[in-house]
N, C-alpha and C. Protein backbone atom coordinates (compact mmCIF):
# COMPACT_ATOMS: atom_id res chain seq x y z
N MET A 1 0.97 -1.27 0.08
CA MET A 1 0.01 -0.03 -0.07
C MET A 1 1.06 1.40 0.05
N ILE A 2 0.12 2.02 -0.67
CA ILE A 2 1.05 3.58 -0.62
C ILE A 2 0.69 4.50 0.91
N ILE A 3 -0.06 3.90 1.39
CA ILE A 3 -0.24 4.47 2.51
C ILE A 3 0.33 3.70 4.09
N GLU A 4 0.64 4.29 4.75
CA GLU A 4 1.03 3.32 5.86
C GLU A 4 -0.18 3.31 6.97
N ALA A 5 -0.50 1.91 7.07
CA ALA A 5 -2.06 1.59 8.18
C ALA A 5 -1.61 0.47 8.73
N ASN A 6 -2.20 -0.10 9.65
CA ASN A 6 -2.38 -1.43 10.30
C ASN A 6 -3.53 -1.98 9.59
N THR A 7 -3.28 -3.19 8.73
CA THR A 7 -4.47 -3.83 8.15
C THR A 7 -5.08 -5.25 9.00
N ASP A 8 -4.81 -4.84 9.95
CA ASP A 8 -5.20 -6.67 10.84
C ASP A 8 -6.59 -6.61 10.72
N SER A 9 -7.20 -5.13 10.67
CA SER A 9 -8.88 -5.65 10.89
C SER A 9 -9.42 -5.89 9.55
N LEU A 10 -8.68 -6.10 8.24
CA LEU A 10 -9.11 -6.80 7.25
C LEU A 10 -8.91 -8.13 6.98
N SER A 11 -10.29 -8.54 6.43
CA SER A 11 -10.32 -10.15 6.19
C SER A 11 -10.15 -10.04 4.68
N ILE A 12 -9.19 -10.85 3.93
CA ILE A 12 -8.97 -11.19 2.44
C ILE A 12 -8.95 -12.47 1.93
N ALA A 13 -9.86 -12.69 1.04
CA ALA A 13 -10.08 -14.05 0.79
C ALA A 13 -8.86 -14.36 -0.43
N ASP A 14 -9.10 -16.02 -0.38
CA ASP A 14 -8.12 -16.65 -0.98
C ASP A 14 -8.42 -16.04 -2.49
N ALA A 15 -7.31 -16.41 -3.68
CA ALA A 15 -7.40 -16.36 -4.99
C ALA A 15 -8.70 -16.56 -5.67
N TRP A 16 -9.28 -15.97 -6.67
CA TRP A 16 -10.16 -16.10 -6.97
C TRP A 16 -10.11 -16.48 -8.63
N ASP A 17 -10.71 -17.15 -9.27
CA ASP A 17 -10.85 -17.19 -10.91
C ASP A 17 -11.62 -15.86 -11.50
N ARG A 18 -11.23 -15.62 -12.51
CA ARG A 18 -11.61 -14.29 -13.27
C ARG A 18 -12.42 -14.56 -14.55
N THR A 19 -13.04 -13.91 -14.97
CA THR A 19 -13.38 -13.91 -16.41
C THR A 19 -12.77 -13.41 -17.32
N PRO A 20 -12.58 -14.54 -18.36
CA PRO A 20 -11.53 -13.86 -19.30
C PRO A 20 -11.76 -12.42 -19.84
N ILE A 21 -10.76 -11.54 -20.00
CA ILE A 21 -11.20 -10.35 -20.62
C ILE A 21 -11.65 -10.22 -21.56
N SER A 22 -11.12 -11.32 -22.47
CA SER A 22 -11.62 -11.08 -24.45
C SER A 22 -13.14 -11.69 -24.18
N GLU A 23 -13.66 -12.52 -23.35
CA GLU A 23 -15.00 -12.93 -23.02
C GLU A 23 -15.95 -11.72 -22.94
N ILE A 24 -15.26 -11.06 -22.06
CA ILE A 24 -16.08 -9.54 -21.49
C ILE A 24 -15.86 -8.46 -22.79
N GLU A 25 -14.72 -7.84 -23.16
CA GLU A 25 -14.99 -7.50 -24.70
C GLU A 25 -15.67 -7.49 -25.45
N SER A 26 -16.08 -9.12 -25.56
CA SER A 26 -17.39 -9.37 -26.29
C SER A 26 -18.65 -8.77 -26.29
N LEU A 27 -18.91 -8.75 -25.09
CA LEU A 27 -20.12 -8.46 -24.55
C LEU A 27 -19.94 -6.61 -24.37
N SER A 28 -18.75 -6.00 -24.30
CA SER A 28 -18.56 -4.43 -24.00
C SER A 28 -19.08 -3.65 -25.25
N LYS A 29 -18.88 -3.96 -26.07
CA LYS A 29 -19.31 -3.28 -27.06
C LYS A 29 -20.88 -2.70 -27.00
N TYR A 30 -21.45 -3.80 -26.64
CA TYR A 30 -22.93 -3.30 -26.36
C TYR A 30 -23.60 -2.22 -25.20
N PRO A 31 -24.84 -1.78 -25.37
CA PRO A 31 -25.03 -0.81 -24.16
C PRO A 31 -25.79 -1.50 -23.22
N VAL A 32 -25.38 -1.24 -22.10
CA VAL A 32 -25.76 -1.57 -20.92
C VAL A 32 -27.19 -2.12 -20.86
N SER A 33 -28.16 -1.22 -21.21
CA SER A 33 -29.72 -1.46 -21.25
C SER A 33 -29.94 -2.41 -22.04
N LEU A 34 -29.20 -2.79 -23.14
CA LEU A 34 -29.39 -4.15 -24.33
C LEU A 34 -28.93 -5.33 -23.06
N ILE A 35 -27.86 -5.24 -22.53
CA ILE A 35 -26.97 -6.46 -22.03
C ILE A 35 -28.40 -6.62 -20.75
N ALA A 36 -28.55 -5.62 -20.01
CA ALA A 36 -29.80 -6.04 -19.20
C ALA A 36 -31.07 -6.55 -19.46
N ASP A 37 -31.66 -6.03 -20.80
CA ASP A 37 -32.90 -6.65 -21.20
C ASP A 37 -32.65 -8.28 -21.77
N ALA A 38 -31.41 -8.53 -22.28
CA ALA A 38 -30.98 -9.62 -22.53
C ALA A 38 -30.99 -10.64 -21.38
N HIS A 39 -30.63 -10.24 -20.17
CA HIS A 39 -30.52 -10.81 -18.83
C HIS A 39 -31.75 -11.00 -18.18
N HIS A 40 -33.00 -10.56 -18.86
CA HIS A 40 -34.40 -10.94 -18.19
C HIS A 40 -34.38 -9.40 -17.21
N ARG A 41 -33.74 -8.61 -17.47
CA ARG A 41 -33.70 -7.02 -16.67
C ARG A 41 -33.31 -7.55 -15.37
N LEU A 42 -32.24 -8.70 -15.06
CA LEU A 42 -32.19 -9.09 -13.42
C LEU A 42 -30.90 -7.95 -13.47
N ASN A 43 -30.29 -8.10 -12.28
CA ASN A 43 -28.81 -7.84 -11.55
C ASN A 43 -28.56 -6.20 -12.33
N VAL A 44 -29.59 -5.47 -12.17
CA VAL A 44 -29.04 -3.99 -12.79
C VAL A 44 -28.88 -3.31 -11.51
N MET A 45 -28.28 -2.68 -11.22
CA MET A 45 -27.85 -2.10 -9.84
C MET A 45 -28.82 -0.72 -9.63
N SER A 46 -29.04 -0.42 -8.53
CA SER A 46 -29.99 0.48 -8.13
C SER A 46 -29.81 1.91 -8.95
N SER A 47 -30.75 2.64 -9.24
CA SER A 47 -30.75 3.91 -10.23
C SER A 47 -29.98 4.96 -9.34
N SER A 48 -29.88 4.61 -7.98
CA SER A 48 -28.77 5.48 -7.39
C SER A 48 -27.67 5.61 -7.35
N ILE A 49 -26.75 4.55 -8.22
CA ILE A 49 -25.74 4.32 -8.11
C ILE A 49 -25.47 5.03 -9.57
N GLN A 50 -24.77 6.20 -9.89
CA GLN A 50 -24.61 7.28 -10.85
C GLN A 50 -23.42 7.25 -11.53
N LEU A 51 -23.22 7.62 -12.93
CA LEU A 51 -21.83 7.82 -13.24
C LEU A 51 -21.61 9.27 -13.00
N VAL A 52 -20.36 9.28 -12.39
CA VAL A 52 -19.88 10.59 -11.94
C VAL A 52 -18.95 11.47 -12.89
N THR A 53 -18.39 10.34 -13.65
CA THR A 53 -17.16 10.70 -14.88
C THR A 53 -18.31 10.68 -16.03
N PRO A 54 -18.36 11.22 -16.84
CA PRO A 54 -19.43 11.51 -17.99
C PRO A 54 -18.65 11.22 -19.00
N ARG A 55 -19.40 10.38 -19.92
CA ARG A 55 -18.79 9.48 -21.06
C ARG A 55 -17.72 8.63 -21.15
N ARG A 56 -17.92 8.03 -20.20
CA ARG A 56 -17.10 6.95 -19.69
C ARG A 56 -18.04 5.74 -19.58
N HIS A 57 -17.52 4.38 -19.99
CA HIS A 57 -18.15 3.28 -19.75
C HIS A 57 -16.98 2.54 -18.97
N LEU A 58 -17.75 1.15 -18.09
CA LEU A 58 -16.59 0.54 -17.90
C LEU A 58 -16.81 -1.16 -18.33
N ALA A 59 -16.11 -2.03 -18.10
CA ALA A 59 -16.22 -3.23 -18.22
C ALA A 59 -15.22 -3.97 -17.67
N GLY A 60 -15.28 -5.09 -16.77
CA GLY A 60 -14.12 -5.86 -16.19
C GLY A 60 -14.73 -6.88 -15.30
N ASN A 61 -13.76 -7.50 -14.25
CA ASN A 61 -14.05 -8.21 -13.43
C ASN A 61 -14.21 -7.54 -12.18
N VAL A 62 -15.24 -8.16 -11.69
CA VAL A 62 -15.87 -7.66 -10.18
C VAL A 62 -14.38 -7.93 -9.28
N LEU A 63 -14.08 -7.10 -8.38
CA LEU A 63 -13.09 -7.24 -7.42
C LEU A 63 -13.85 -6.86 -6.10
N PRO A 64 -14.63 -7.52 -5.16
CA PRO A 64 -15.43 -7.13 -4.25
C PRO A 64 -14.92 -6.74 -3.24
N ILE A 65 -15.47 -5.38 -2.39
CA ILE A 65 -14.73 -4.68 -1.37
C ILE A 65 -15.89 -4.49 -0.11
N THR A 66 -15.69 -4.75 0.87
CA THR A 66 -16.61 -4.28 1.94
C THR A 66 -15.83 -2.86 2.77
N SER A 67 -16.34 -2.09 3.04
CA SER A 67 -15.68 -1.39 3.84
C SER A 67 -16.82 -0.49 4.83
N ARG A 68 -16.28 -0.02 5.84
CA ARG A 68 -17.11 0.55 6.82
C ARG A 68 -17.30 2.06 6.32
N GLU A 69 -18.49 2.45 6.77
CA GLU A 69 -18.82 3.92 6.33
C GLU A 69 -17.69 5.03 6.41
N GLY A 70 -17.29 5.55 5.37
CA GLY A 70 -16.49 6.65 5.34
C GLY A 70 -15.18 6.03 5.44
N ASP A 71 -14.86 4.87 5.39
CA ASP A 71 -13.56 4.50 5.58
C ASP A 71 -12.86 3.81 4.14
N ASN A 72 -11.80 3.93 3.93
CA ASN A 72 -11.21 3.33 2.68
C ASN A 72 -10.05 2.47 2.83
N LEU A 73 -9.57 2.31 3.97
CA LEU A 73 -8.43 1.43 4.13
C LEU A 73 -8.51 -0.11 3.05
N ALA A 74 -9.72 -0.73 3.36
CA ALA A 74 -10.06 -1.62 2.39
C ALA A 74 -9.77 -1.38 0.96
N ILE A 75 -9.91 -0.54 0.66
CA ILE A 75 -9.83 -0.26 -0.98
C ILE A 75 -8.40 -0.05 -1.39
N HIS A 76 -7.63 0.65 -0.49
CA HIS A 76 -6.30 0.84 -0.69
C HIS A 76 -5.56 -0.51 -0.69
N ARG A 77 -5.72 -1.28 0.30
CA ARG A 77 -5.47 -2.75 0.60
C ARG A 77 -5.60 -3.56 -0.68
N ALA A 78 -6.81 -3.45 -1.21
CA ALA A 78 -7.62 -4.29 -2.50
C ALA A 78 -6.15 -4.10 -3.47
N LEU A 79 -6.07 -3.11 -3.60
CA LEU A 79 -5.15 -2.50 -4.83
C LEU A 79 -3.95 -3.43 -5.02
N ASP A 80 -3.26 -4.01 -3.52
CA ASP A 80 -2.14 -4.49 -4.02
C ASP A 80 -2.37 -6.14 -4.52
N ASP A 81 -3.79 -6.33 -4.59
CA ASP A 81 -3.85 -7.88 -5.34
C ASP A 81 -4.61 -7.47 -6.63
N ALA A 82 -5.00 -6.15 -7.04
CA ALA A 82 -5.95 -6.19 -8.22
C ALA A 82 -5.11 -6.33 -9.32
N ARG A 83 -5.68 -6.68 -10.52
CA ARG A 83 -5.11 -7.06 -11.67
C ARG A 83 -5.40 -6.15 -12.66
N PRO A 84 -4.91 -6.23 -13.57
CA PRO A 84 -5.58 -5.41 -15.06
C PRO A 84 -6.87 -5.70 -15.20
N GLY A 85 -7.90 -4.97 -15.45
CA GLY A 85 -9.09 -4.89 -16.04
C GLY A 85 -10.05 -5.43 -15.09
N ASP A 86 -9.79 -5.47 -13.64
CA ASP A 86 -10.61 -5.32 -12.48
C ASP A 86 -11.24 -4.34 -12.16
N VAL A 87 -12.72 -4.59 -11.54
CA VAL A 87 -13.32 -3.30 -11.28
C VAL A 87 -13.56 -3.44 -9.82
N LEU A 88 -13.33 -2.11 -9.23
CA LEU A 88 -13.62 -2.29 -7.95
C LEU A 88 -15.08 -1.81 -7.61
N VAL A 89 -15.66 -3.22 -6.77
CA VAL A 89 -17.23 -2.90 -6.45
C VAL A 89 -16.96 -2.74 -5.18
N VAL A 90 -17.60 -1.62 -4.41
CA VAL A 90 -17.38 -1.22 -2.88
C VAL A 90 -18.40 -0.86 -2.50
N ASN A 91 -18.92 -1.98 -1.51
CA ASN A 91 -20.22 -1.84 -0.38
C ASN A 91 -19.69 -1.04 0.64
N SER A 92 -19.94 0.32 0.46
CA SER A 92 -19.30 1.19 1.50
C SER A 92 -20.66 1.55 2.47
N MET A 93 -21.51 0.99 2.54
CA MET A 93 -22.81 0.77 3.51
C MET A 93 -23.77 1.99 3.08
N GLY A 94 -23.96 2.24 1.80
CA GLY A 94 -24.87 3.47 1.05
C GLY A 94 -24.05 4.92 1.64
N ASP A 95 -23.40 4.76 2.32
CA ASP A 95 -23.21 6.35 3.37
C ASP A 95 -22.79 7.26 2.29
N THR A 96 -23.43 8.15 2.32
CA THR A 96 -22.96 9.59 0.83
C THR A 96 -22.35 10.61 2.05
N ASN A 97 -22.23 10.40 3.16
CA ASN A 97 -21.80 11.96 3.73
C ASN A 97 -20.28 12.13 4.08
N ARG A 98 -19.54 11.23 3.86
CA ARG A 98 -18.11 10.83 3.70
C ARG A 98 -17.52 10.07 2.35
N ALA A 99 -16.70 10.70 1.57
CA ALA A 99 -16.30 9.78 0.77
C ALA A 99 -15.37 8.86 0.85
N CYS A 100 -15.27 7.86 0.29
CA CYS A 100 -14.38 6.71 0.41
C CYS A 100 -13.32 6.92 -0.72
N PHE A 101 -13.40 7.70 -1.72
CA PHE A 101 -12.73 7.18 -2.76
C PHE A 101 -12.46 8.99 -3.41
N GLY A 102 -11.25 8.93 -4.14
CA GLY A 102 -11.04 10.49 -4.58
C GLY A 102 -9.80 10.22 -5.62
N GLY A 103 -9.39 11.30 -5.75
CA GLY A 103 -8.43 11.67 -7.08
C GLY A 103 -6.74 10.47 -6.64
N ILE A 104 -6.55 10.60 -5.26
CA ILE A 104 -5.41 9.80 -5.27
C ILE A 104 -5.42 8.23 -5.20
N LEU A 105 -6.86 7.80 -4.93
CA LEU A 105 -6.78 6.53 -5.33
C LEU A 105 -6.98 6.40 -6.59
N GLY A 106 -7.73 7.23 -7.46
CA GLY A 106 -8.26 7.29 -8.92
C GLY A 106 -6.61 7.01 -9.76
N GLU A 107 -5.70 7.70 -9.25
CA GLU A 107 -4.31 7.76 -9.96
C GLU A 107 -3.54 6.45 -9.57
N LEU A 108 -3.96 5.58 -8.54
CA LEU A 108 -3.45 4.82 -8.09
C LEU A 108 -4.21 3.40 -9.07
N CYS A 109 -5.41 3.75 -9.03
CA CYS A 109 -6.32 2.55 -10.18
C CYS A 109 -5.76 2.69 -11.74
N ILE A 110 -5.39 3.87 -11.89
CA ILE A 110 -5.00 4.37 -13.74
C ILE A 110 -3.42 3.51 -13.58
N GLN A 111 -2.80 3.59 -12.66
CA GLN A 111 -1.47 2.88 -12.66
C GLN A 111 -1.35 1.41 -12.57
N ARG A 112 -2.59 1.10 -12.14
CA ARG A 112 -2.66 -0.53 -12.10
C ARG A 112 -3.42 -1.27 -13.07
N LYS A 113 -3.94 0.13 -13.94
CA LYS A 113 -4.94 -0.64 -15.31
C LYS A 113 -6.28 -1.20 -14.51
N ILE A 114 -6.68 -0.46 -13.73
CA ILE A 114 -8.22 -0.73 -12.94
C ILE A 114 -8.89 -0.47 -14.17
N ALA A 115 -10.32 -1.23 -14.59
CA ALA A 115 -11.10 -0.74 -15.72
C ALA A 115 -12.18 0.06 -14.97
N GLY A 116 -12.30 0.47 -13.89
CA GLY A 116 -13.43 0.99 -13.04
C GLY A 116 -13.57 1.12 -11.90
N VAL A 117 -14.75 1.86 -11.27
CA VAL A 117 -14.67 1.84 -9.79
C VAL A 117 -16.35 1.97 -9.74
N VAL A 118 -17.12 1.28 -8.83
CA VAL A 118 -18.15 1.42 -8.77
C VAL A 118 -18.41 1.31 -6.95
N ILE A 119 -19.22 2.28 -6.70
CA ILE A 119 -19.11 2.60 -5.03
C ILE A 119 -20.61 2.86 -4.60
N ASP A 120 -20.82 1.76 -3.87
CA ASP A 120 -22.40 2.14 -3.23
C ASP A 120 -22.01 2.95 -1.82
N GLY A 121 -21.84 4.07 -2.28
CA GLY A 121 -21.41 5.45 -1.13
C GLY A 121 -20.71 6.31 -1.82
N ALA A 122 -20.08 7.25 -1.29
CA ALA A 122 -19.69 8.56 -2.02
C ALA A 122 -18.35 8.63 -2.44
N THR A 123 -18.13 9.40 -3.65
CA THR A 123 -16.90 9.66 -3.96
C THR A 123 -16.31 11.07 -3.83
N ARG A 124 -15.25 11.71 -4.31
CA ARG A 124 -14.98 13.50 -4.45
C ARG A 124 -13.82 13.53 -5.42
N ASP A 125 -13.62 14.67 -5.60
CA ASP A 125 -12.61 15.14 -6.46
C ASP A 125 -12.86 14.67 -7.94
N VAL A 126 -14.33 14.99 -8.26
CA VAL A 126 -14.87 14.44 -9.44
C VAL A 126 -14.23 15.28 -10.46
N SER A 127 -13.80 16.38 -10.56
CA SER A 127 -13.14 16.99 -11.56
C SER A 127 -11.76 16.07 -11.97
N GLU A 128 -10.96 15.88 -10.97
CA GLU A 128 -9.86 15.32 -11.18
C GLU A 128 -9.96 14.13 -11.88
N LEU A 129 -11.03 13.22 -10.94
CA LEU A 129 -11.21 12.02 -11.66
C LEU A 129 -11.81 11.98 -13.23
N GLN A 130 -12.72 12.79 -13.35
CA GLN A 130 -12.74 13.13 -14.80
C GLN A 130 -11.55 13.29 -16.01
N SER A 131 -10.77 13.91 -15.29
CA SER A 131 -9.59 14.24 -16.25
C SER A 131 -8.57 13.23 -15.73
N GLN A 132 -8.61 12.19 -15.12
CA GLN A 132 -7.79 10.82 -15.07
C GLN A 132 -8.48 9.96 -16.34
N GLY A 133 -9.78 10.01 -16.50
CA GLY A 133 -10.37 9.01 -17.50
C GLY A 133 -10.66 7.76 -16.68
N LEU A 134 -11.05 7.79 -15.57
CA LEU A 134 -11.43 6.43 -14.96
C LEU A 134 -12.92 6.37 -14.76
N PRO A 135 -13.76 5.49 -14.79
CA PRO A 135 -14.86 5.51 -15.09
C PRO A 135 -15.24 5.11 -13.34
N VAL A 136 -16.09 5.98 -13.07
CA VAL A 136 -16.46 5.84 -11.69
C VAL A 136 -17.74 6.17 -11.46
N PHE A 137 -18.56 5.46 -10.93
CA PHE A 137 -20.08 5.34 -10.47
C PHE A 137 -20.09 5.26 -8.91
N ALA A 138 -21.03 5.90 -8.49
CA ALA A 138 -21.03 6.14 -7.09
C ALA A 138 -22.78 6.60 -6.46
N ARG A 139 -22.90 6.51 -5.44
CA ARG A 139 -24.21 6.78 -5.08
C ARG A 139 -24.28 8.11 -4.58
N GLY A 140 -23.36 8.64 -4.29
CA GLY A 140 -23.19 10.22 -3.83
C GLY A 140 -21.98 10.82 -3.99
N ILE A 141 -21.83 12.32 -3.79
CA ILE A 141 -20.51 12.89 -3.67
C ILE A 141 -20.67 13.77 -2.21
N SER A 142 -19.09 13.77 -2.30
CA SER A 142 -19.15 14.69 -0.78
C SER A 142 -17.50 15.24 -0.67
N PRO A 143 -17.18 16.06 -0.30
CA PRO A 143 -15.87 16.60 0.23
C PRO A 143 -15.26 16.17 1.28
N ALA A 144 -16.30 15.74 1.88
CA ALA A 144 -15.50 15.08 3.30
C ALA A 144 -14.59 13.53 3.25
N GLY A 145 -13.52 13.87 3.47
CA GLY A 145 -12.73 13.07 3.47
C GLY A 145 -12.19 11.48 4.13
N PRO A 146 -11.89 10.43 3.71
CA PRO A 146 -12.25 9.46 4.73
C PRO A 146 -11.47 9.11 5.74
N PHE A 147 -11.48 8.00 6.49
CA PHE A 147 -10.90 7.69 7.39
C PHE A 147 -10.11 6.29 6.98
N LYS A 148 -9.56 5.93 7.83
CA LYS A 148 -8.14 4.59 7.32
C LYS A 148 -8.19 3.49 8.36
N TYR A 149 -9.12 3.18 9.03
CA TYR A 149 -9.01 2.59 10.33
C TYR A 149 -9.71 1.07 10.12
N GLY A 150 -10.42 0.77 8.78
CA GLY A 150 -11.17 -0.43 8.69
C GLY A 150 -12.42 -0.89 9.92
N PRO A 151 -12.90 -1.87 9.88
CA PRO A 151 -12.56 -3.20 9.49
C PRO A 151 -13.06 -3.30 7.67
N GLY A 152 -12.81 -4.08 7.08
CA GLY A 152 -13.34 -4.43 5.91
C GLY A 152 -13.20 -5.46 5.33
N ARG A 153 -13.59 -6.23 4.18
CA ARG A 153 -13.64 -7.54 3.40
C ARG A 153 -13.11 -7.15 1.90
N ILE A 154 -12.00 -8.12 1.70
CA ILE A 154 -11.68 -7.98 0.17
C ILE A 154 -12.02 -9.27 -0.42
N GLY A 155 -12.35 -9.56 -1.47
CA GLY A 155 -12.73 -10.69 -2.33
C GLY A 155 -13.83 -11.41 -2.18
N PHE A 156 -14.47 -11.25 -0.97
CA PHE A 156 -15.73 -11.76 -0.59
C PHE A 156 -17.04 -11.23 -1.37
N PRO A 157 -17.89 -12.02 -1.58
CA PRO A 157 -19.53 -11.33 -2.52
C PRO A 157 -19.83 -10.29 -1.52
N VAL A 158 -20.24 -9.60 -2.27
CA VAL A 158 -20.54 -8.26 -1.73
C VAL A 158 -21.95 -7.43 -2.31
N ALA A 159 -22.72 -7.23 -1.49
CA ALA A 159 -23.96 -6.15 -2.07
C ALA A 159 -23.50 -4.78 -2.29
N CYS A 160 -23.94 -4.67 -3.73
CA CYS A 160 -23.91 -3.16 -4.33
C CYS A 160 -24.83 -2.64 -4.94
N GLY A 161 -25.62 -1.77 -4.57
CA GLY A 161 -26.61 -1.25 -5.68
C GLY A 161 -27.65 -2.22 -5.42
N ASN A 162 -27.75 -2.97 -4.32
CA ASN A 162 -28.90 -3.94 -4.36
C ASN A 162 -28.87 -5.33 -5.20
N VAL A 163 -27.56 -5.51 -5.90
CA VAL A 163 -27.09 -6.38 -6.27
C VAL A 163 -25.78 -7.41 -5.88
N VAL A 164 -26.07 -8.52 -5.68
CA VAL A 164 -25.05 -9.51 -4.88
C VAL A 164 -23.92 -9.71 -5.94
N CYS A 165 -22.95 -9.45 -5.71
CA CYS A 165 -21.66 -9.45 -6.47
C CYS A 165 -20.61 -10.37 -6.26
N GLN A 166 -20.19 -11.70 -7.26
CA GLN A 166 -19.36 -12.53 -6.74
C GLN A 166 -17.79 -11.85 -7.26
N PRO A 167 -16.92 -12.31 -6.62
CA PRO A 167 -15.56 -12.01 -6.97
C PRO A 167 -15.24 -13.04 -8.64
N GLY A 168 -14.92 -12.05 -9.37
CA GLY A 168 -15.00 -12.38 -11.44
C GLY A 168 -16.03 -12.61 -11.85
N ASP A 169 -17.20 -12.08 -11.13
CA ASP A 169 -18.15 -11.94 -12.00
C ASP A 169 -18.00 -10.55 -13.13
N ALA A 170 -18.43 -10.91 -14.17
CA ALA A 170 -18.24 -9.51 -15.30
C ALA A 170 -19.51 -8.42 -14.88
N ILE A 171 -18.67 -7.10 -15.15
CA ILE A 171 -19.54 -6.05 -14.68
C ILE A 171 -19.37 -5.39 -15.92
N PHE A 172 -20.59 -4.37 -16.10
CA PHE A 172 -20.70 -3.24 -17.26
C PHE A 172 -21.50 -2.06 -16.79
N GLY A 173 -21.13 -0.89 -17.22
CA GLY A 173 -21.58 0.04 -16.82
C GLY A 173 -21.19 1.51 -17.99
N ASP A 174 -22.52 2.33 -18.10
CA ASP A 174 -22.62 3.28 -18.98
C ASP A 174 -23.13 4.59 -18.29
N ALA A 175 -23.52 5.54 -19.28
CA ALA A 175 -24.54 6.36 -18.67
C ALA A 175 -25.72 6.00 -18.13
N ASP A 176 -26.38 5.03 -18.72
CA ASP A 176 -27.34 4.31 -18.19
C ASP A 176 -27.55 3.81 -16.80
N GLY A 177 -26.62 3.25 -16.48
CA GLY A 177 -26.09 2.68 -15.14
C GLY A 177 -25.25 1.12 -15.12
N VAL A 178 -25.75 0.18 -14.34
CA VAL A 178 -24.44 -0.62 -14.26
C VAL A 178 -25.25 -2.01 -14.17
N VAL A 179 -24.82 -3.10 -14.86
CA VAL A 179 -25.35 -4.23 -14.55
C VAL A 179 -24.17 -5.66 -14.30
N VAL A 180 -24.39 -6.49 -13.87
CA VAL A 180 -23.47 -7.42 -13.24
C VAL A 180 -24.28 -9.12 -13.74
N ILE A 181 -23.02 -9.31 -14.63
CA ILE A 181 -23.48 -10.93 -15.24
C ILE A 181 -22.56 -11.88 -14.57
N PRO A 182 -23.02 -12.94 -13.63
CA PRO A 182 -22.54 -13.77 -13.44
C PRO A 182 -21.61 -14.50 -14.22
N ARG A 183 -20.23 -14.88 -13.84
CA ARG A 183 -19.34 -15.55 -14.55
C ARG A 183 -19.63 -16.77 -15.42
N SER A 184 -20.49 -17.75 -14.69
CA SER A 184 -21.02 -18.76 -15.39
C SER A 184 -22.05 -18.19 -16.14
N GLN A 185 -22.73 -17.34 -16.89
CA GLN A 185 -23.69 -17.10 -17.46
C GLN A 185 -23.29 -16.20 -18.43
N LEU A 186 -21.85 -15.86 -18.62
CA LEU A 186 -21.32 -14.61 -19.77
C LEU A 186 -21.70 -15.39 -21.18
N GLU A 187 -20.96 -16.43 -21.19
CA GLU A 187 -21.38 -16.71 -23.01
C GLU A 187 -23.01 -16.94 -23.00
N GLU A 188 -23.93 -17.12 -22.85
CA GLU A 188 -25.14 -17.03 -22.90
C GLU A 188 -25.63 -15.84 -22.68
N ALA A 189 -25.30 -14.90 -21.88
CA ALA A 189 -25.61 -13.58 -21.91
C ALA A 189 -25.10 -13.07 -23.46
N LEU A 190 -24.18 -13.30 -23.82
CA LEU A 190 -23.71 -13.07 -25.33
C LEU A 190 -24.61 -12.94 -26.50
N ASP A 191 -25.09 -14.65 -26.26
CA ASP A 191 -25.86 -15.08 -27.09
C ASP A 191 -27.56 -14.00 -27.27
N ARG A 192 -27.82 -14.31 -26.01
CA ARG A 192 -28.90 -13.38 -25.80
C ARG A 192 -28.92 -12.08 -26.16
N VAL A 193 -28.00 -11.31 -25.71
CA VAL A 193 -27.78 -10.15 -26.49
C VAL A 193 -27.49 -9.80 -27.76
N LYS A 194 -27.10 -10.64 -28.57
CA LYS A 194 -27.18 -10.64 -30.03
C LYS A 194 -28.54 -11.00 -30.73
N ALA A 195 -29.61 -11.99 -29.91
CA ALA A 195 -30.81 -12.13 -30.36
C ALA A 195 -31.32 -10.88 -30.14
N GLN A 196 -31.31 -9.98 -28.88
CA GLN A 196 -31.92 -8.94 -28.19
C GLN A 196 -31.96 -7.85 -29.24
N GLN A 197 -30.81 -7.73 -29.83
CA GLN A 197 -30.15 -6.64 -30.69
C GLN A 197 -31.04 -6.89 -31.92
N VAL A 198 -31.14 -8.10 -32.54
CA VAL A 198 -31.65 -8.52 -33.61
C VAL A 198 -33.33 -7.95 -33.63
N VAL A 199 -33.82 -8.09 -32.40
CA VAL A 199 -35.24 -7.63 -32.16
C VAL A 199 -35.36 -6.31 -32.28
N GLU A 200 -34.54 -5.57 -31.53
CA GLU A 200 -34.87 -4.02 -31.41
C GLU A 200 -34.60 -3.56 -33.06
N GLU A 201 -33.63 -3.93 -33.55
CA GLU A 201 -33.51 -3.72 -35.09
C GLU A 201 -34.44 -3.78 -35.87
N SER A 202 -35.29 -4.92 -35.84
CA SER A 202 -36.17 -4.93 -36.53
C SER A 202 -37.55 -3.95 -36.43
N ILE A 203 -37.50 -3.85 -34.65
CA ILE A 203 -38.72 -2.59 -34.16
C ILE A 203 -38.38 -1.50 -34.99
N LEU A 204 -36.99 -1.10 -34.86
CA LEU A 204 -36.75 0.19 -35.66
C LEU A 204 -36.91 0.37 -37.07
N GLU A 205 -36.68 -0.70 -37.83
CA GLU A 205 -37.11 -0.81 -39.25
C GLU A 205 -38.49 -0.72 -39.10
N ARG A 206 -39.21 -1.04 -38.43
CA ARG A 206 -40.78 -1.35 -38.79
C ARG A 206 -41.20 0.38 -38.34
N ILE A 207 -40.77 1.04 -37.39
CA ILE A 207 -40.60 2.61 -37.23
C ILE A 207 -40.47 3.51 -38.46
N GLY A 208 -39.35 2.73 -39.12
CA GLY A 208 -38.72 3.80 -39.96
C GLY A 208 -39.59 3.71 -41.18
């Protein structure tokens, strides 16, 4: 970690399998709304989880993090084990009074080739995050900074935006919101999305 802090309060899961990036990329070219429709409109995060870096979209593997309200020690520690293409999916207990993410963590994410960040909580330094090019979704924005005491959990299933996210699931986000596809269902999801696209193109042709 770049910070000096005691991490004894953190629980860290053993290594887990990730969805191959090539499979995620195949689905990432489609809009999130289309992916959600093709997945029976399930696993869509709450509309309260909003894109705070406009004109960005994310696609990657879920790296799940649970942190106490207003505390980001677990996020800092999670970056030690993060791999390129991971998306930090953080349950910060929905608290929006104190940000648990900001520009410094954003720069660390860029260096580690993190694909994006989704926070059921608050972020700050929005202008800086926008200039960094990191896709960030959050429930709120607050200038109040975080504590770094823990406790927290890294790599265990996490609830974020009312969706249970397993480590290594595929996650996609754009201006419409965020959807999570279980790793075991990704190939089936791609077939469904292609079929759904044909249906919607047919409707648009009839309208035209």
